[in-house]
Amino acid sequence: MTRKNEAIFFQGFKLLRIKTPDFPVRASSVVDQAASLIARLAEKKYVYWDEYNGAKNAYFEPLKFKGFGKLAHLDMSKWPTKKRRFHKDTYPGTPWNKGDFIVWDGCKHGGVCYETPIGGGRPAWNIQDAAIVTKHLGFSIDVACGGIDNLVRHHDYTLAIAEAVSGKQFSRYWLHGAHLLVDGKKMSKSIGNVIYTGDVLKEGFSGEQLRFFSIYGHYREKLNFTFKKLAETSRKLDAFKNMVKELQVTNEGSSNLEAEALIGGLVSSFENAMNNDLGVKTAFDSLYKTICELHELKKPLNEKESKKLLDALRWVDSVLQCIL
């Protein structure tokens, strides 16, 4: 089932023109790294071992790590000083496990177990990301990202684990995406409002149109999917593409200084918006405005100007992946 879901997941990558990672890593392939991290954390007294229901588990003590909870701006003055261990990764309805969290499950009660230098067991969820990243990218990376729900608890755990081992800043930037809604409601199988990419294609939309709908906004703002809104953004994208196509009909006249100025500022304007916390909507709207202004010029572009425009748009589309 896992491999089947993985195949479907990467099929979606192709449809939406998402770049596939160079190293798609399964948590099961970094058990050795997780065990190594736990051993080093135990040496530094951040992690300790304790038996629970016959299983030898390892727990991380947040109070030992200076700056714990800094991502979620957690007020550690309210953290309980009384020893309390959480034996599961997550607890429904509990935004924070206020106590020592599990990093290694001795798994005496079933499930997949691995034999490692620290004993038999399996890595808990909260150490898996740290193991994947530190094994393949090292202890300092440029960008870490995930859903907004991972900001609370999980990412602060990941950060604390990595930085407690290395003493270095784990990530320079953290990006947390807001949730996708459907008709204003959370997408859920229990509600019955799950929409798959295949459902979108059956309605006559393309992968490019779905990608544009998904990125035409800000990643930190909730995105509400409706087929009506998808149709609206698709029309905007189609109008943009039609104008670009018409601009490729050139003349043999002299250069147009106004056109050259508009084309010359296209990439820098796009970069400025993207460098401002990935402002994709601002970036595209600026691009759309420039193309409109070029399209409205009385004098068509000459061949040289058209080539410069297409070169600039190809560079932009190496990011957007939906405008050409």
Protein backbone atom coordinates (compact mmCIF):
# COMPACT_ATOMS: atom_id res chain seq x y z
CA MET A 1 0.00 0.00 0.00
CA THR A 2 2.86 2.40 0.86
CA ARG A 3 4.57 1.85 -2.52
CA LYS A 4 1.24 2.28 -4.32
CA ASN A 5 0.57 5.60 -2.58
CA GLU A 6 4.14 6.68 -3.29
CA ALA A 7 3.69 5.98 -7.00
CA ILE A 8 0.45 8.01 -7.06
CA PHE A 9 2.19 10.82 -5.19
CA PHE A 10 4.99 11.10 -7.74
CA GLN A 11 2.53 10.88 -10.65
CA GLY A 12 1.06 14.06 -9.22
CA PHE A 13 4.53 15.61 -9.33
CA LYS A 14 4.67 15.05 -13.09
CA LEU A 15 1.19 16.43 -13.66
CA LEU A 16 1.88 19.58 -11.63
CA ARG A 17 5.45 19.99 -12.89
CA ILE A 18 6.93 19.72 -9.42
CA LYS A 19 10.63 18.98 -9.43
CA THR A 20 11.28 15.54 -7.99
CA PRO A 21 13.84 15.54 -5.16
CA ASP A 22 17.27 14.19 -6.05
CA PHE A 23 17.06 11.89 -3.04
CA PRO A 24 13.53 10.79 -2.11
CA VAL A 25 14.25 9.25 1.30
CA ARG A 26 12.12 6.84 3.30
CA ALA A 27 12.32 7.04 7.08
CA SER A 28 13.04 3.30 7.12
CA SER A 29 16.34 3.94 5.31
CA VAL A 30 17.75 6.25 8.01
CA VAL A 31 17.21 4.12 11.11
CA ASP A 32 21.00 3.97 11.54
CA GLN A 33 21.20 7.78 11.58
CA ALA A 34 18.34 8.06 14.08
CA ALA A 35 20.09 5.59 16.37
CA SER A 36 23.35 7.52 16.01
CA LEU A 37 21.63 10.83 16.87
CA ILE A 38 20.04 9.29 19.94
CA ALA A 39 23.38 7.89 21.12
CA ARG A 40 24.99 11.32 20.78
CA LEU A 41 22.07 13.03 22.50
CA ALA A 42 22.32 10.56 25.37
CA GLU A 43 26.02 11.36 25.74
CA LYS A 44 25.14 15.06 25.96
CA LYS A 45 22.39 14.33 28.54
CA TYR A 46 19.55 15.59 26.35
CA VAL A 47 18.12 12.07 26.03
CA TYR A 48 17.65 9.36 28.64
CA TRP A 49 16.31 5.79 28.64
CA ASP A 50 13.31 4.56 30.57
CA GLU A 51 11.20 1.42 30.55
CA TYR A 52 7.52 1.67 29.75
CA ASN A 53 5.26 -1.40 29.62
CA GLY A 54 8.29 -3.62 29.14
CA ALA A 55 9.79 -1.53 26.32
CA LYS A 56 13.06 0.37 26.63
CA ASN A 57 12.30 3.81 25.20
CA ALA A 58 14.39 6.96 24.80
CA TYR A 59 13.03 10.41 25.71
CA PHE A 60 14.25 13.95 24.95
CA GLU A 61 14.14 16.53 27.76
CA PRO A 62 13.06 19.91 26.32
CA LEU A 63 14.09 21.75 29.51
CA LYS A 64 17.69 20.74 28.83
CA PHE A 65 17.74 22.50 25.43
CA LYS A 66 18.14 26.27 25.62
CA GLY A 67 15.69 27.96 23.28
CA PHE A 68 13.26 25.06 22.99
CA GLY A 69 10.00 26.17 21.38
CA LYS A 70 11.55 29.17 19.62
CA LEU A 71 9.86 28.44 16.30
CA ALA A 72 6.35 28.44 17.78
CA HIS A 73 7.34 31.18 20.28
CA LEU A 74 6.49 28.88 23.15
CA ASP A 75 6.51 30.43 26.63
CA MET A 76 8.78 27.98 28.42
CA SER A 77 8.13 29.68 31.76
CA LYS A 78 4.82 27.81 31.71
CA TRP A 79 6.43 24.45 30.96
CA PRO A 80 5.88 22.04 33.87
CA THR A 81 9.01 21.22 35.88
CA LYS A 82 7.55 17.97 37.17
CA LYS A 83 8.90 14.98 35.24
CA ARG A 84 6.39 13.70 32.71
CA ARG A 85 7.00 11.39 29.78
CA PHE A 86 4.94 11.15 26.60
CA HIS A 87 5.13 7.67 25.13
CA LYS A 88 3.42 8.45 21.81
CA ASP A 89 4.33 10.98 19.12
CA THR A 90 0.97 12.71 19.08
CA TYR A 91 -2.10 12.92 21.26
CA PRO A 92 -5.43 14.01 19.73
CA GLY A 93 -6.50 17.42 20.95
CA THR A 94 -3.14 18.18 22.55
CA PRO A 95 -1.23 20.97 20.76
CA TRP A 96 1.85 20.43 22.94
CA ASN A 97 3.14 17.37 24.77
CA LYS A 98 4.33 19.35 27.78
CA GLY A 99 6.96 16.98 29.01
CA ASP A 100 9.69 14.68 27.69
CA PHE A 101 8.91 13.40 24.20
CA ILE A 102 9.75 9.98 22.83
CA VAL A 103 12.51 9.62 20.20
CA TRP A 104 12.98 5.83 20.27
CA ASP A 105 10.27 3.21 20.70
CA GLY A 106 11.47 -0.10 22.14
CA CYS A 107 8.44 -1.68 20.41
CA LYS A 108 7.84 -4.65 22.67
CA HIS A 109 4.22 -4.64 21.60
CA GLY A 110 4.35 -5.32 17.86
CA GLY A 111 5.17 -3.31 14.79
CA VAL A 112 8.34 -3.15 12.73
CA CYS A 113 11.52 -3.26 14.85
CA TYR A 114 15.17 -2.80 13.91
CA GLU A 115 18.34 -4.07 15.56
CA THR A 116 20.80 -1.21 16.09
CA PRO A 117 23.81 -0.36 18.27
CA ILE A 118 21.43 1.28 20.78
CA GLY A 119 19.20 -1.80 20.92
CA GLY A 120 16.09 -3.04 19.21
CA GLY A 121 13.30 -0.65 18.36
CA ARG A 122 12.26 1.99 15.86
CA PRO A 123 12.67 5.76 15.54
CA ALA A 124 9.74 7.80 16.79
CA TRP A 125 8.17 10.26 14.35
CA ASN A 126 9.76 13.26 15.98
CA ILE A 127 13.31 12.18 15.15
CA GLN A 128 12.69 10.88 11.63
CA ASP A 129 12.98 14.25 9.85
CA ALA A 130 16.14 15.12 11.75
CA ALA A 131 17.63 11.76 10.76
CA ILE A 132 16.70 12.17 7.08
CA VAL A 133 18.05 15.72 6.80
CA THR A 134 21.26 15.30 8.78
CA LYS A 135 22.22 12.08 6.99
CA HIS A 136 21.79 13.46 3.47
CA LEU A 137 22.22 17.25 3.80
CA GLY A 138 24.16 17.77 7.02
CA PHE A 139 23.30 19.66 10.19
CA SER A 140 22.84 23.10 8.61
CA ILE A 141 20.43 23.72 5.73
CA ASP A 142 19.05 26.81 4.01
CA VAL A 143 15.30 26.14 4.04
CA ALA A 144 13.00 23.85 6.01
CA CYS A 145 9.31 23.72 5.25
CA GLY A 146 6.06 21.94 5.90
CA GLY A 147 2.44 22.43 6.78
CA ILE A 148 1.40 24.96 9.40
CA ASP A 149 0.28 22.09 11.64
CA ASN A 150 3.91 20.98 11.89
CA LEU A 151 4.98 24.34 13.29
CA VAL A 152 3.49 23.42 16.64
CA ARG A 153 5.43 20.64 18.31
CA HIS A 154 6.96 18.69 15.44
CA HIS A 155 9.35 21.23 13.89
CA ASP A 156 10.50 22.54 17.25
CA TYR A 157 11.31 18.92 18.11
CA THR A 158 13.25 18.46 14.88
CA LEU A 159 15.17 21.69 15.42
CA ALA A 160 16.00 20.86 19.04
CA ILE A 161 17.27 17.38 18.15
CA ALA A 162 19.56 18.59 15.34
CA GLU A 163 20.90 21.64 17.17
CA ALA A 164 21.43 19.76 20.44
CA VAL A 165 23.73 17.37 18.56
CA SER A 166 25.65 19.87 16.42
CA GLY A 167 25.45 23.16 18.31
CA LYS A 168 24.78 24.82 14.93
CA GLN A 169 21.72 26.59 13.52
CA PHE A 170 19.66 23.89 11.83
CA SER A 171 17.87 26.00 9.20
CA ARG A 172 18.21 29.63 8.14
CA TYR A 173 14.57 29.86 7.02
CA TRP A 174 11.38 28.05 7.94
CA LEU A 175 8.37 28.13 5.59
CA HIS A 176 5.00 26.87 6.82
CA GLY A 177 2.19 26.48 4.32
CA ALA A 178 -1.44 27.09 5.31
CA HIS A 179 -4.10 24.46 4.73
CA LEU A 180 -6.07 23.68 1.59
CA LEU A 181 -9.84 23.88 2.06
CA VAL A 182 -12.65 22.64 -0.18
CA ASP A 183 -15.72 24.88 -0.32
CA GLY A 184 -14.55 26.46 2.92
CA LYS A 185 -14.21 23.15 4.77
CA LYS A 186 -11.27 20.97 5.71
CA MET A 187 -10.64 18.26 3.13
CA SER A 188 -11.44 14.95 4.80
CA LYS A 189 -12.42 11.43 3.80
CA SER A 190 -14.89 11.33 6.68
CA ILE A 191 -16.66 14.40 5.28
CA GLY A 192 -16.46 12.99 1.76
CA ASN A 193 -15.04 16.11 0.12
CA VAL A 194 -11.64 14.83 -0.97
CA ILE A 195 -10.76 15.94 -4.50
CA TYR A 196 -7.96 14.21 -6.41
CA THR A 197 -6.05 15.50 -9.41
CA GLY A 198 -7.90 12.99 -11.57
CA ASP A 199 -11.20 14.58 -10.55
CA VAL A 200 -9.90 17.96 -11.72
CA LEU A 201 -8.75 16.56 -15.07
CA LYS A 202 -12.17 14.95 -15.62
CA GLU A 203 -13.71 18.42 -15.36
CA GLY A 204 -11.61 19.54 -18.33
CA PHE A 205 -8.84 21.39 -16.51
CA SER A 206 -5.13 20.84 -17.16
CA GLY A 207 -2.23 20.19 -14.82
CA GLU A 208 -0.88 23.65 -15.65
CA GLN A 209 -4.16 25.29 -14.65
CA LEU A 210 -4.28 23.37 -11.38
CA ARG A 211 -0.68 24.29 -10.64
CA PHE A 212 -1.39 27.96 -11.31
CA PHE A 213 -4.42 27.89 -9.01
CA SER A 214 -2.29 26.29 -6.29
CA ILE A 215 0.54 28.83 -6.42
CA TYR A 216 -1.45 31.98 -7.26
CA GLY A 217 -1.68 33.22 -3.70
CA HIS A 218 0.52 33.27 -0.63
CA TYR A 219 1.72 30.05 0.92
CA ARG A 220 0.94 31.31 4.46
CA GLU A 221 -2.70 32.00 3.60
CA LYS A 222 -5.38 29.31 3.47
CA LEU A 223 -6.37 28.26 -0.05
CA ASN A 224 -10.04 27.51 -0.63
CA PHE A 225 -10.63 25.22 -3.61
CA THR A 226 -13.82 25.48 -5.63
CA PHE A 227 -14.23 24.63 -9.29
CA LYS A 228 -15.54 28.17 -9.81
CA LYS A 229 -12.32 29.68 -8.44
CA LEU A 230 -10.25 27.23 -10.47
CA ALA A 231 -12.11 28.36 -13.59
CA GLU A 232 -11.41 32.02 -12.75
CA THR A 233 -7.67 31.57 -12.31
CA SER A 234 -7.56 29.34 -15.40
CA ARG A 235 -9.09 32.11 -17.50
CA LYS A 236 -6.47 34.53 -16.21
CA LEU A 237 -3.68 32.12 -17.10
CA ASP A 238 -5.16 31.45 -20.55
CA ALA A 239 -5.49 35.17 -21.24
CA PHE A 240 -1.85 35.66 -20.30
CA LYS A 241 -0.73 32.85 -22.60
CA ASN A 242 -2.79 34.19 -25.50
CA MET A 243 -1.19 37.63 -25.17
CA VAL A 244 2.29 36.08 -25.13
CA LYS A 245 1.43 34.10 -28.25
CA GLU A 246 0.23 37.20 -30.05
CA LEU A 247 3.39 39.10 -29.07
CA GLN A 248 5.41 36.52 -31.00
CA VAL A 249 4.00 37.95 -34.25
CA THR A 250 6.84 40.36 -35.02
CA ASN A 251 7.66 43.10 -37.51
CA GLU A 252 10.93 44.06 -39.14
CA GLY A 253 10.99 47.62 -37.86
CA SER A 254 13.38 49.44 -35.57
CA SER A 255 13.56 48.97 -31.82
CA ASN A 256 10.85 50.35 -29.59
CA LEU A 257 12.39 52.04 -26.53
CA GLU A 258 9.20 51.62 -24.49
CA ALA A 259 9.06 47.90 -25.27
CA GLU A 260 12.75 47.46 -24.43
CA ALA A 261 12.25 49.16 -21.06
CA LEU A 262 9.27 46.95 -20.20
CA ILE A 263 11.09 43.77 -21.21
CA GLY A 264 14.27 44.86 -19.43
CA GLY A 265 12.48 45.24 -16.10
CA LEU A 266 10.45 42.04 -16.30
CA VAL A 267 12.89 39.67 -14.58
CA SER A 268 13.98 42.07 -11.83
CA SER A 269 10.35 42.85 -10.98
CA PHE A 270 9.60 39.14 -10.76
CA GLU A 271 12.65 38.50 -8.59
CA ASN A 272 11.82 41.35 -6.20
CA ALA A 273 8.35 39.96 -5.56
CA MET A 274 9.57 36.38 -5.14
CA ASN A 275 12.32 37.48 -2.78
CA ASN A 276 9.66 39.06 -0.56
CA ASP A 277 8.57 35.85 1.19
CA LEU A 278 7.71 34.05 -2.05
CA GLY A 279 5.13 36.58 -3.21
CA VAL A 280 3.97 34.54 -6.20
CA LYS A 281 0.70 36.43 -6.68
CA THR A 282 2.47 39.81 -6.65
CA ALA A 283 5.12 38.44 -8.99
CA PHE A 284 2.59 37.11 -11.51
CA ASP A 285 0.38 40.20 -11.34
CA SER A 286 3.40 42.36 -12.13
CA LEU A 287 4.25 40.04 -15.01
CA TYR A 288 0.67 40.14 -16.26
CA LYS A 289 0.66 43.94 -16.18
CA THR A 290 3.89 44.10 -18.18
CA ILE A 291 2.57 41.71 -20.83
CA CYS A 292 -0.66 43.74 -21.06
CA GLU A 293 1.33 46.93 -21.61
CA LEU A 294 3.45 45.26 -24.29
CA HIS A 295 0.34 43.85 -25.92
CA GLU A 296 -1.29 47.29 -26.02
CA LEU A 297 1.64 48.98 -27.78
CA LYS A 298 0.64 50.21 -31.20
CA LYS A 299 3.88 48.98 -32.68
CA PRO A 300 4.48 45.17 -32.71
CA LEU A 301 7.76 43.86 -31.31
CA ASN A 302 10.60 43.24 -33.69
CA GLU A 303 12.36 39.88 -33.79
CA LYS A 304 15.11 40.94 -31.36
CA GLU A 305 12.63 42.27 -28.80
CA SER A 306 10.45 39.18 -29.10
CA LYS A 307 13.46 36.94 -28.46
CA LYS A 308 14.43 38.93 -25.35
CA LEU A 309 10.88 38.66 -24.08
CA LEU A 310 10.73 34.90 -24.60
CA ASP A 311 14.13 34.44 -22.96
CA ALA A 312 12.91 36.39 -19.93
CA LEU A 313 9.66 34.43 -19.79
CA ARG A 314 11.50 31.12 -20.06
CA TRP A 315 13.60 32.11 -17.07
CA VAL A 316 10.47 33.08 -15.12
CA ASP A 317 8.78 29.86 -16.15
CA SER A 318 11.68 27.82 -14.78
CA VAL A 319 10.09 28.84 -11.46
CA LEU A 320 6.37 29.10 -12.25
CA GLN A 321 6.27 26.13 -14.65
CA CYS A 322 2.89 27.03 -16.12
CA ILE A 323 3.08 30.18 -18.29
CA LEU A 324 4.66 28.83 -21.49
